[in-house]
Amino acid sequence: MRGNADGGETLPNRSKGAGGRVPGAGSWTANDNDSSRESSPGTRYSNIELMICIVARLMENGKMAFIGTGIPMLAAALAKKLHAPQMEAVFEFGGTDPVLDRLPLNVGAQQTFHRAVSAISLADVMEAAQKGFLDLGFVGAAQIDPFGNINTTVIGDHSRPKVRLPGSGGGCDIGALCWRTVAILAEHDLKRFVGKVDFITTPGFLDGPGARERAGLPGGTGPYRVVTPLAVMDFDETSRRMRLLSLNPGVTMEDVRKNTGFELVIPKDIGRNPPPAPKELQILRKEVDPHRLYI
């Protein structure tokens, strides 16, 4: 096979209150104070824990994943302890498959090199992606459109933006070069799921079938999944538009529709993402992030 930087997602804003919704805003957030759901009697979990488990289930044994801090990092650590011990996690600054005894707070922290298989450079990591060694890459998004194009650069006109965002980091490289790109959005609302992004920072399927190849991007690459507090989306093989794949526990199709600023492809059969299993929660809380740096 061919082989975010920052993992892309923003940690939950603790000021938003419990319950998973931003009060009065009609959006859904991965707020870690949401303790209203149960995976089994007496076992409560937050939306961010649910999203970590969903992302971990996407990771496969023997593959290489380009991760950052936050949800992708915790998901990788969880996956390696459960079902993918031979998966290699690669950090942007060059730490390859470190032992995460202590969680780093950024992609260049010393913990990302702790007992790593190798310590290479940022340029080496991007070269590895270009050569086709990185199977899975993770990015975040301020905006995402029906074709999986992502904006993390500006809101509004580029020359006179309303908001200037952090920019690409490694996001453009990840979306352009990794075999499969997973977008993780900590909130699902009309501000983020838009008909057209204000700026394409990370390329998705651009304007439809064949557009990536016409732009010179490697064939067979592109958006794979979109993970939010509401659902998991993939992309229709023919139209390359975003498709509803599965709903999170307690979420209805109408919840997704009214918080998405474009029409999703709706298949005949829509799956349901299982809640975190007690074993997943135990490992996540006691072994992966016992000090609650992220959860």
C-alpha atoms as a PDB file:
ATOM      1  CA  MET A   1       0.000   0.000   0.000  1.00  0.00           C
ATOM      2  CA  ARG A   2       0.980   3.655  -0.378  1.00  0.00           C
ATOM      3  CA  GLY A   3       2.007   5.000   2.327  1.00  0.00           C
ATOM      4  CA  ASN A   4      -2.451  15.724  11.711  1.00  0.00           C
ATOM      5  CA  ALA A   5       0.160  16.417  12.438  1.00  0.00           C
ATOM      6  CA  ASP A   6      -1.588  17.823  15.464  1.00  0.00           C
ATOM      7  CA  GLY A   7      -4.306  15.242  15.335  1.00  0.00           C
ATOM      8  CA  GLY A   8      -6.423  18.139  14.291  1.00  0.00           C
ATOM      9  CA  GLU A   9      -9.044  18.156  16.973  1.00  0.00           C
ATOM     10  CA  THR A  10      -9.380  20.783  19.671  1.00  0.00           C
ATOM     11  CA  LEU A  11      -9.732  19.629  23.239  1.00  0.00           C
ATOM     12  CA  PRO A  12     -13.236  20.137  24.618  1.00  0.00           C
ATOM     13  CA  ASN A  13     -14.090  23.522  26.075  1.00  0.00           C
ATOM     14  CA  ARG A  14     -15.017  22.816  29.683  1.00  0.00           C
ATOM     15  CA  SER A  15     -17.176  25.931  29.840  1.00  0.00           C
ATOM     16  CA  LYS A  16     -19.830  24.483  27.548  1.00  0.00           C
ATOM     17  CA  GLY A  17     -21.585  22.498  30.200  1.00  0.00           C
ATOM     18  CA  ALA A  18     -22.802  18.956  30.338  1.00  0.00           C
ATOM     19  CA  GLY A  19     -25.054  17.042  28.066  1.00  0.00           C
ATOM     20  CA  GLY A  20     -23.070  17.134  24.831  1.00  0.00           C
ATOM     21  CA  ARG A  21     -24.810  20.188  23.326  1.00  0.00           C
ATOM     22  CA  VAL A  22     -23.637  23.783  23.350  1.00  0.00           C
ATOM     23  CA  PRO A  23     -26.511  25.541  25.124  1.00  0.00           C
ATOM     24  CA  GLY A  24     -28.665  27.462  22.679  1.00  0.00           C
ATOM     25  CA  ALA A  25     -26.400  26.753  19.724  1.00  0.00           C
ATOM     26  CA  GLY A  26     -27.934  23.574  18.357  1.00  0.00           C
ATOM     27  CA  SER A  27     -24.511  21.941  18.001  1.00  0.00           C
ATOM     28  CA  TRP A  28     -23.055  18.802  19.511  1.00  0.00           C
ATOM     29  CA  THR A  29     -19.675  18.751  21.195  1.00  0.00           C
ATOM     30  CA  ALA A  30     -17.239  16.152  22.508  1.00  0.00           C
ATOM     31  CA  ASN A  31     -17.509  17.748  25.933  1.00  0.00           C
ATOM     32  CA  ASP A  32     -15.761  15.621  28.518  1.00  0.00           C
ATOM     33  CA  ASN A  33     -18.269  16.693  31.181  1.00  0.00           C
ATOM     34  CA  ASP A  34     -21.030  14.775  29.422  1.00  0.00           C
ATOM     35  CA  SER A  35     -21.637  11.813  31.697  1.00  0.00           C
ATOM     36  CA  SER A  36     -25.227  11.125  30.710  1.00  0.00           C
ATOM     37  CA  ARG A  37     -24.567   7.975  28.696  1.00  0.00           C
ATOM     38  CA  GLU A  38     -23.933   4.422  29.829  1.00  0.00           C
ATOM     39  CA  SER A  39     -22.082   1.653  28.004  1.00  0.00           C
ATOM     40  CA  SER A  40     -23.406  -0.877  30.487  1.00  0.00           C
ATOM     41  CA  PRO A  41     -25.367  -0.507  33.707  1.00  0.00           C
ATOM     42  CA  GLY A  42     -23.391   1.758  36.029  1.00  0.00           C
ATOM     43  CA  THR A  43     -20.641   2.491  33.463  1.00  0.00           C
ATOM     44  CA  ARG A  44     -20.896   6.075  32.238  1.00  0.00           C
ATOM     45  CA  TYR A  45     -18.780   7.588  29.483  1.00  0.00           C
ATOM     46  CA  SER A  46     -18.269  10.954  27.834  1.00  0.00           C
ATOM     47  CA  ASN A  47     -18.539  11.852  24.164  1.00  0.00           C
ATOM     48  CA  ILE A  48     -14.782  12.270  23.911  1.00  0.00           C
ATOM     49  CA  GLU A  49     -14.259   8.758  25.312  1.00  0.00           C
ATOM     50  CA  LEU A  50     -16.747   7.452  22.766  1.00  0.00           C
ATOM     51  CA  MET A  51     -14.887   9.196  19.931  1.00  0.00           C
ATOM     52  CA  ILE A  52     -11.534   7.833  21.106  1.00  0.00           C
ATOM     53  CA  CYS A  53     -12.953   4.309  21.049  1.00  0.00           C
ATOM     54  CA  ILE A  54     -14.498   4.795  17.599  1.00  0.00           C
ATOM     55  CA  VAL A  55     -11.195   6.069  16.184  1.00  0.00           C
ATOM     56  CA  ALA A  56      -9.258   3.234  17.856  1.00  0.00           C
ATOM     57  CA  ARG A  57     -11.504   0.701  16.128  1.00  0.00           C
ATOM     58  CA  LEU A  58     -10.459   2.174  12.751  1.00  0.00           C
ATOM     59  CA  MET A  59      -6.798   1.342  13.406  1.00  0.00           C
ATOM     60  CA  GLU A  60      -5.487  -1.918  11.980  1.00  0.00           C
ATOM     61  CA  ASN A  61      -2.684  -4.203  13.064  1.00  0.00           C
ATOM     62  CA  GLY A  62       0.455  -3.944  10.956  1.00  0.00           C
ATOM     63  CA  LYS A  63      -0.388  -0.502   9.541  1.00  0.00           C
ATOM     64  CA  MET A  64       1.328   2.863  10.025  1.00  0.00           C
ATOM     65  CA  ALA A  65      -0.731   5.782  11.333  1.00  0.00           C
ATOM     66  CA  PHE A  66       0.282   9.446  11.198  1.00  0.00           C
ATOM     67  CA  ILE A  67      -1.035  10.824  14.498  1.00  0.00           C
ATOM     68  CA  GLY A  68      -0.885  13.910  16.664  1.00  0.00           C
ATOM     69  CA  THR A  69      -1.847  14.621  20.234  1.00  0.00           C
ATOM     70  CA  GLY A  70      -5.429  14.464  21.442  1.00  0.00           C
ATOM     71  CA  ILE A  71      -7.939  11.911  20.198  1.00  0.00           C
ATOM     72  CA  PRO A  72      -5.689  10.182  17.584  1.00  0.00           C
ATOM     73  CA  MET A  73      -2.892   9.642  20.105  1.00  0.00           C
ATOM     74  CA  LEU A  74      -5.187   8.188  22.770  1.00  0.00           C
ATOM     75  CA  ALA A  75      -6.913   6.070  20.150  1.00  0.00           C
ATOM     76  CA  ALA A  76      -3.572   4.711  18.929  1.00  0.00           C
ATOM     77  CA  ALA A  77      -2.476   3.847  22.470  1.00  0.00           C
ATOM     78  CA  LEU A  78      -5.817   2.130  23.103  1.00  0.00           C
ATOM     79  CA  ALA A  79      -5.722   0.205  19.819  1.00  0.00           C
ATOM     80  CA  LYS A  80      -2.186  -1.074  20.492  1.00  0.00           C
ATOM     81  CA  LYS A  81      -3.282  -2.403  23.878  1.00  0.00           C
ATOM     82  CA  LEU A  82      -6.416  -4.072  22.511  1.00  0.00           C
ATOM     83  CA  HIS A  83      -6.337  -5.312  18.941  1.00  0.00           C
ATOM     84  CA  ALA A  84      -3.452  -3.743  16.991  1.00  0.00           C
ATOM     85  CA  PRO A  85      -0.175  -4.338  18.876  1.00  0.00           C
ATOM     86  CA  GLN A  86       1.864  -4.202  15.651  1.00  0.00           C
ATOM     87  CA  MET A  87       0.439  -0.894  14.454  1.00  0.00           C
ATOM     88  CA  GLU A  88       3.094   1.846  14.299  1.00  0.00           C
ATOM     89  CA  ALA A  89       2.139   5.380  15.306  1.00  0.00           C
ATOM     90  CA  VAL A  90       4.199   8.175  13.752  1.00  0.00           C
ATOM     91  CA  PHE A  91       4.368  11.697  15.154  1.00  0.00           C
ATOM     92  CA  GLU A  92       4.974  14.694  12.888  1.00  0.00           C
ATOM     93  CA  PHE A  93       8.322  15.642  14.429  1.00  0.00           C
ATOM     94  CA  GLY A  94       9.753  12.190  13.801  1.00  0.00           C
ATOM     95  CA  GLY A  95       9.015   9.937  16.759  1.00  0.00           C
ATOM     96  CA  THR A  96       8.092   6.536  15.334  1.00  0.00           C
ATOM     97  CA  ASP A  97       6.062   4.185  17.514  1.00  0.00           C
ATOM     98  CA  PRO A  98       7.170   5.486  20.926  1.00  0.00           C
ATOM     99  CA  VAL A  99       6.128   3.900  24.205  1.00  0.00           C
ATOM    100  CA  LEU A 100       3.616   6.381  25.621  1.00  0.00           C
ATOM    101  CA  ASP A 101       4.177   5.804  29.329  1.00  0.00           C
ATOM    102  CA  ARG A 102       3.557   9.530  29.758  1.00  0.00           C
ATOM    103  CA  LEU A 103       1.339  11.388  27.322  1.00  0.00           C
ATOM    104  CA  PRO A 104       2.913  14.305  25.439  1.00  0.00           C
ATOM    105  CA  LEU A 105       1.135  17.640  25.258  1.00  0.00           C
ATOM    106  CA  ASN A 106       2.434  18.486  21.778  1.00  0.00           C
ATOM    107  CA  VAL A 107       3.800  16.659  18.735  1.00  0.00           C
ATOM    108  CA  GLY A 108       7.398  17.688  19.437  1.00  0.00           C
ATOM    109  CA  ALA A 109       7.541  16.788  23.126  1.00  0.00           C
ATOM    110  CA  GLN A 110      10.247  14.417  24.312  1.00  0.00           C
ATOM    111  CA  GLN A 111       7.648  11.764  25.141  1.00  0.00           C
ATOM    112  CA  THR A 112       6.975  11.327  21.398  1.00  0.00           C
ATOM    113  CA  PHE A 113      10.498   9.862  21.096  1.00  0.00           C
ATOM    114  CA  HIS A 114      10.499   7.785  24.295  1.00  0.00           C
ATOM    115  CA  ARG A 115      11.757   4.261  23.454  1.00  0.00           C
ATOM    116  CA  ALA A 116      10.695   4.866  19.856  1.00  0.00           C
ATOM    117  CA  VAL A 117      11.564   2.523  16.996  1.00  0.00           C
ATOM    118  CA  SER A 118      13.292   5.490  15.364  1.00  0.00           C
ATOM    119  CA  ALA A 119      13.813   9.217  15.810  1.00  0.00           C
ATOM    120  CA  ILE A 120      13.785  10.891  12.429  1.00  0.00           C
ATOM    121  CA  SER A 121      13.008  14.411  11.220  1.00  0.00           C
ATOM    122  CA  LEU A 122       9.898  16.247  10.110  1.00  0.00           C
ATOM    123  CA  ALA A 123      11.171  16.079   6.527  1.00  0.00           C
ATOM    124  CA  ASP A 124      11.702  12.312   6.828  1.00  0.00           C
ATOM    125  CA  VAL A 125       8.114  11.821   8.016  1.00  0.00           C
ATOM    126  CA  MET A 126       6.715  13.810   5.089  1.00  0.00           C
ATOM    127  CA  GLU A 127       8.991  11.888   2.725  1.00  0.00           C
ATOM    128  CA  ALA A 128       7.670   8.617   4.149  1.00  0.00           C
ATOM    129  CA  ALA A 129       4.126   9.807   3.417  1.00  0.00           C
ATOM    130  CA  GLN A 130       5.117  10.785  -0.108  1.00  0.00           C
ATOM    131  CA  LYS A 131       6.710   7.382  -0.686  1.00  0.00           C
ATOM    132  CA  GLY A 132       3.498   5.693   0.390  1.00  0.00           C
ATOM    133  CA  PHE A 133       4.413   4.221   3.774  1.00  0.00           C
ATOM    134  CA  LEU A 134       1.714   5.915   5.866  1.00  0.00           C
ATOM    135  CA  ASP A 135      -1.606   4.113   5.699  1.00  0.00           C
ATOM    136  CA  LEU A 136      -3.768   6.323   7.894  1.00  0.00           C
ATOM    137  CA  GLY A 137      -3.577  10.038   8.711  1.00  0.00           C
ATOM    138  CA  PHE A 138      -5.648  12.157  11.097  1.00  0.00           C
ATOM    139  CA  VAL A 139      -6.669  15.802  10.739  1.00  0.00           C
ATOM    140  CA  GLY A 140      -9.052  18.218  12.385  1.00  0.00           C
ATOM    141  CA  ALA A 141     -11.268  20.802  10.736  1.00  0.00           C
ATOM    142  CA  ALA A 142     -12.764  24.204  11.379  1.00  0.00           C
ATOM    143  CA  GLN A 143     -14.866  23.620   8.252  1.00  0.00           C
ATOM    144  CA  ILE A 144     -15.506  20.550   6.120  1.00  0.00           C
ATOM    145  CA  ASP A 145     -17.553  20.319   2.918  1.00  0.00           C
ATOM    146  CA  PRO A 146     -19.450  17.508   1.136  1.00  0.00           C
ATOM    147  CA  PHE A 147     -16.288  16.292  -0.640  1.00  0.00           C
ATOM    148  CA  GLY A 148     -14.188  16.185   2.535  1.00  0.00           C
ATOM    149  CA  ASN A 149     -12.196  19.340   1.788  1.00  0.00           C
ATOM    150  CA  ILE A 150     -11.005  20.866   5.049  1.00  0.00           C
ATOM    151  CA  ASN A 151     -10.368  24.448   6.126  1.00  0.00           C
ATOM    152  CA  THR A 152      -8.089  25.300   9.051  1.00  0.00           C
ATOM    153  CA  THR A 153      -6.749  28.568   7.586  1.00  0.00           C
ATOM    154  CA  VAL A 154      -9.313  31.406   7.633  1.00  0.00           C
ATOM    155  CA  ILE A 155     -13.007  32.084   8.119  1.00  0.00           C
ATOM    156  CA  GLY A 156     -14.181  34.564   5.510  1.00  0.00           C
ATOM    157  CA  ASP A 157     -12.231  36.059   2.637  1.00  0.00           C
ATOM    158  CA  HIS A 158      -8.550  35.102   2.677  1.00  0.00           C
ATOM    159  CA  SER A 159      -7.376  38.691   2.204  1.00  0.00           C
ATOM    160  CA  ARG A 160      -9.681  40.099   4.918  1.00  0.00           C
ATOM    161  CA  PRO A 161     -10.628  37.161   7.148  1.00  0.00           C
ATOM    162  CA  LYS A 162     -13.125  37.332   9.962  1.00  0.00           C
ATOM    163  CA  VAL A 163     -11.023  34.780  11.853  1.00  0.00           C
ATOM    164  CA  ARG A 164      -7.472  33.645  11.174  1.00  0.00           C
ATOM    165  CA  LEU A 165      -6.971  29.996  12.120  1.00  0.00           C
ATOM    166  CA  PRO A 166      -3.754  28.061  12.896  1.00  0.00           C
ATOM    167  CA  GLY A 167      -3.216  26.996   9.279  1.00  0.00           C
ATOM    168  CA  SER A 168      -2.103  23.740   7.748  1.00  0.00           C
ATOM    169  CA  GLY A 169       0.714  22.420   9.897  1.00  0.00           C
ATOM    170  CA  GLY A 170       1.076  18.986   8.348  1.00  0.00           C
ATOM    171  CA  GLY A 171      -2.612  18.788   7.439  1.00  0.00           C
ATOM    172  CA  CYS A 172      -2.181  19.412   3.719  1.00  0.00           C
ATOM    173  CA  ASP A 173       0.547  16.757   3.461  1.00  0.00           C
ATOM    174  CA  ILE A 174      -1.544  14.240   5.393  1.00  0.00           C
ATOM    175  CA  GLY A 175      -4.635  14.773   3.257  1.00  0.00           C
ATOM    176  CA  ALA A 176      -2.633  14.761   0.048  1.00  0.00           C
ATOM    177  CA  LEU A 177      -0.325  11.804   0.657  1.00  0.00           C
ATOM    178  CA  CYS A 178      -1.632   9.320   3.243  1.00  0.00           C
ATOM    179  CA  TRP A 179      -3.657   6.460   1.838  1.00  0.00           C
ATOM    180  CA  ARG A 180      -6.638   7.172   4.058  1.00  0.00           C
ATOM    181  CA  THR A 181      -7.462  10.396   5.876  1.00  0.00           C
ATOM    182  CA  VAL A 182      -9.704  10.525   8.936  1.00  0.00           C
ATOM    183  CA  ALA A 183     -11.170  13.881   9.943  1.00  0.00           C
ATOM    184  CA  ILE A 184     -12.047  14.294  13.609  1.00  0.00           C
ATOM    185  CA  LEU A 185     -14.374  17.130  14.601  1.00  0.00           C
ATOM    186  CA  ALA A 186     -15.039  17.716  18.278  1.00  0.00           C
ATOM    187  CA  GLU A 187     -18.270  19.525  17.376  1.00  0.00           C
ATOM    188  CA  HIS A 188     -20.901  18.756  14.751  1.00  0.00           C
ATOM    189  CA  ASP A 189     -22.840  21.852  13.686  1.00  0.00           C
ATOM    190  CA  LEU A 190     -23.736  24.119  10.785  1.00  0.00           C
ATOM    191  CA  LYS A 191     -20.623  26.271  11.239  1.00  0.00           C
ATOM    192  CA  ARG A 192     -18.344  23.312  10.617  1.00  0.00           C
ATOM    193  CA  PHE A 193     -20.287  21.242   8.084  1.00  0.00           C
ATOM    194  CA  VAL A 194     -20.665  23.727   5.232  1.00  0.00           C
ATOM    195  CA  GLY A 195     -21.617  23.547   1.566  1.00  0.00           C
ATOM    196  CA  LYS A 196     -18.313  25.139   0.549  1.00  0.00           C
ATOM    197  CA  VAL A 197     -15.254  25.768   2.711  1.00  0.00           C
ATOM    198  CA  ASP A 198     -13.853  29.303   2.799  1.00  0.00           C
ATOM    199  CA  PHE A 199     -10.372  27.955   2.020  1.00  0.00           C
ATOM    200  CA  ILE A 200      -9.060  24.505   1.121  1.00  0.00           C
ATOM    201  CA  THR A 201      -6.257  23.765   3.567  1.00  0.00           C
ATOM    202  CA  THR A 202      -6.395  19.994   3.275  1.00  0.00           C
ATOM    203  CA  PRO A 203      -7.651  18.492   0.014  1.00  0.00           C
ATOM    204  CA  GLY A 204     -10.491  16.033   0.084  1.00  0.00           C
ATOM    205  CA  PHE A 205     -12.063  14.882  -3.149  1.00  0.00           C
ATOM    206  CA  LEU A 206     -11.939  18.552  -4.280  1.00  0.00           C
ATOM    207  CA  ASP A 207     -14.977  18.937  -6.598  1.00  0.00           C
ATOM    208  CA  GLY A 208     -15.813  15.300  -7.183  1.00  0.00           C
ATOM    209  CA  PRO A 209     -14.766  12.087  -8.924  1.00  0.00           C
ATOM    210  CA  GLY A 210     -11.313  12.158 -10.508  1.00  0.00           C
ATOM    211  CA  ALA A 211     -10.480  15.633  -9.214  1.00  0.00           C
ATOM    212  CA  ARG A 212      -7.647  14.496  -6.953  1.00  0.00           C
ATOM    213  CA  GLU A 213      -5.948  12.659  -9.796  1.00  0.00           C
ATOM    214  CA  ARG A 214      -6.378  15.654 -12.138  1.00  0.00           C
ATOM    215  CA  ALA A 215      -4.722  17.818  -9.488  1.00  0.00           C
ATOM    216  CA  GLY A 216      -1.726  15.468  -9.433  1.00  0.00           C
ATOM    217  CA  LEU A 217      -2.436  13.782  -6.112  1.00  0.00           C
ATOM    218  CA  PRO A 218      -1.637  10.058  -5.765  1.00  0.00           C
ATOM    219  CA  GLY A 219      -4.349   7.750  -7.003  1.00  0.00           C
ATOM    220  CA  GLY A 220      -6.210   5.722  -4.421  1.00  0.00           C
ATOM    221  CA  THR A 221      -5.730   8.256  -1.642  1.00  0.00           C
ATOM    222  CA  GLY A 222      -8.278  10.554  -0.014  1.00  0.00           C
ATOM    223  CA  PRO A 223     -10.820  11.010   2.776  1.00  0.00           C
ATOM    224  CA  TYR A 224     -11.840   7.811   4.512  1.00  0.00           C
ATOM    225  CA  ARG A 225     -13.921   8.655   7.587  1.00  0.00           C
ATOM    226  CA  VAL A 226     -15.309  11.688   9.423  1.00  0.00           C
ATOM    227  CA  VAL A 227     -15.809  11.150  13.159  1.00  0.00           C
ATOM    228  CA  THR A 228     -17.939  13.508  15.276  1.00  0.00           C
ATOM    229  CA  PRO A 229     -19.929  13.378  18.535  1.00  0.00           C
ATOM    230  CA  LEU A 230     -22.986  12.511  16.426  1.00  0.00           C
ATOM    231  CA  ALA A 231     -21.922   9.973  13.852  1.00  0.00           C
ATOM    232  CA  VAL A 232     -19.345   8.486  11.527  1.00  0.00           C
ATOM    233  CA  MET A 233     -19.429   9.410   7.849  1.00  0.00           C
ATOM    234  CA  ASP A 234     -17.639   7.938   4.857  1.00  0.00           C
ATOM    235  CA  PHE A 235     -17.737   8.897   1.164  1.00  0.00           C
ATOM    236  CA  ASP A 236     -19.833   7.524  -1.669  1.00  0.00           C
ATOM    237  CA  GLU A 237     -17.653   5.626  -4.138  1.00  0.00           C
ATOM    238  CA  THR A 238     -19.387   7.107  -7.194  1.00  0.00           C
ATOM    239  CA  SER A 239     -20.157  10.735  -6.325  1.00  0.00           C
ATOM    240  CA  ARG A 240     -17.374  11.132  -3.712  1.00  0.00           C
ATOM    241  CA  ARG A 241     -19.842  13.005  -1.518  1.00  0.00           C
ATOM    242  CA  MET A 242     -20.011  12.508   2.227  1.00  0.00           C
ATOM    243  CA  ARG A 243     -22.281   9.659   3.280  1.00  0.00           C
ATOM    244  CA  LEU A 244     -23.800   8.857   6.660  1.00  0.00           C
ATOM    245  CA  LEU A 245     -22.327   5.541   7.745  1.00  0.00           C
ATOM    246  CA  SER A 246     -23.330   5.024  11.385  1.00  0.00           C
ATOM    247  CA  LEU A 247     -24.967   6.885  14.260  1.00  0.00           C
ATOM    248  CA  ASN A 248     -23.587   7.257  17.756  1.00  0.00           C
ATOM    249  CA  PRO A 249     -25.625   5.987  20.729  1.00  0.00           C
ATOM    250  CA  GLY A 250     -28.695   8.089  21.417  1.00  0.00           C
ATOM    251  CA  VAL A 251     -28.416  10.049  18.166  1.00  0.00           C
ATOM    252  CA  THR A 252     -31.087  10.128  15.460  1.00  0.00           C
ATOM    253  CA  MET A 253     -30.714  10.703  11.747  1.00  0.00           C
ATOM    254  CA  GLU A 254     -32.610  13.980  12.210  1.00  0.00           C
ATOM    255  CA  ASP A 255     -29.989  15.150  14.746  1.00  0.00           C
ATOM    256  CA  VAL A 256     -27.332  14.681  12.077  1.00  0.00           C
ATOM    257  CA  ARG A 257     -29.354  16.286   9.287  1.00  0.00           C
ATOM    258  CA  LYS A 258     -30.239  19.463  11.164  1.00  0.00           C
ATOM    259  CA  ASN A 259     -26.610  19.981  12.245  1.00  0.00           C
ATOM    260  CA  THR A 260     -25.132  19.449   8.768  1.00  0.00           C
ATOM    261  CA  GLY A 261     -25.072  22.351   6.306  1.00  0.00           C
ATOM    262  CA  PHE A 262     -25.438  20.193   3.211  1.00  0.00           C
ATOM    263  CA  GLU A 263     -27.321  17.097   2.121  1.00  0.00           C
ATOM    264  CA  LEU A 264     -25.596  13.887   3.103  1.00  0.00           C
ATOM    265  CA  VAL A 265     -25.828  10.736   1.035  1.00  0.00           C
ATOM    266  CA  ILE A 266     -28.184   8.513   3.039  1.00  0.00           C
ATOM    267  CA  PRO A 267     -27.786   4.772   2.411  1.00  0.00           C
ATOM    268  CA  LYS A 268     -30.564   2.246   2.817  1.00  0.00           C
ATOM    269  CA  ASP A 269     -28.924   0.752   5.905  1.00  0.00           C
ATOM    270  CA  ILE A 270     -27.352   2.981   8.550  1.00  0.00           C
ATOM    271  CA  GLY A 271     -25.232   1.393  11.237  1.00  0.00           C
ATOM    272  CA  ARG A 272     -25.111   2.116  14.945  1.00  0.00           C
ATOM    273  CA  ASN A 273     -21.758   2.643  16.675  1.00  0.00           C
ATOM    274  CA  PRO A 274     -21.564   0.559  19.844  1.00  0.00           C
ATOM    275  CA  PRO A 275     -20.776   2.410  23.066  1.00  0.00           C
ATOM    276  CA  PRO A 276     -17.373   1.966  24.678  1.00  0.00           C
ATOM    277  CA  ALA A 277     -17.007  -1.495  26.152  1.00  0.00           C
ATOM    278  CA  PRO A 278     -16.105  -1.685  29.852  1.00  0.00           C
ATOM    279  CA  LYS A 279     -12.683  -3.074  28.888  1.00  0.00           C
ATOM    280  CA  GLU A 280     -12.059  -0.157  26.526  1.00  0.00           C
ATOM    281  CA  LEU A 281     -12.955   2.343  29.241  1.00  0.00           C
ATOM    282  CA  GLN A 282     -10.853   0.565  31.859  1.00  0.00           C
ATOM    283  CA  ILE A 283      -7.726   0.593  29.684  1.00  0.00           C
ATOM    284  CA  LEU A 284      -8.343   4.154  28.504  1.00  0.00           C
ATOM    285  CA  ARG A 285      -8.777   5.516  32.024  1.00  0.00           C
ATOM    286  CA  LYS A 286      -6.299   3.412  33.986  1.00  0.00           C
ATOM    287  CA  GLU A 287      -3.508   2.783  31.457  1.00  0.00           C
ATOM    288  CA  VAL A 288      -3.705   5.248  28.569  1.00  0.00           C
ATOM    289  CA  ASP A 289      -4.627   8.495  30.371  1.00  0.00           C
ATOM    290  CA  PRO A 290      -4.644   7.812  34.116  1.00  0.00           C
ATOM    291  CA  HIS A 291      -3.913  11.479  34.923  1.00  0.00           C
ATOM    292  CA  ARG A 292      -6.832  12.701  32.813  1.00  0.00           C
ATOM    293  CA  LEU A 293      -4.705  15.013  30.675  1.00  0.00           C
ATOM    294  CA  TYR A 294      -7.095  14.586  27.770  1.00  0.00           C
ATOM    295  CA  ILE A 295     -10.163  12.772  29.074  1.00  0.00           C
END
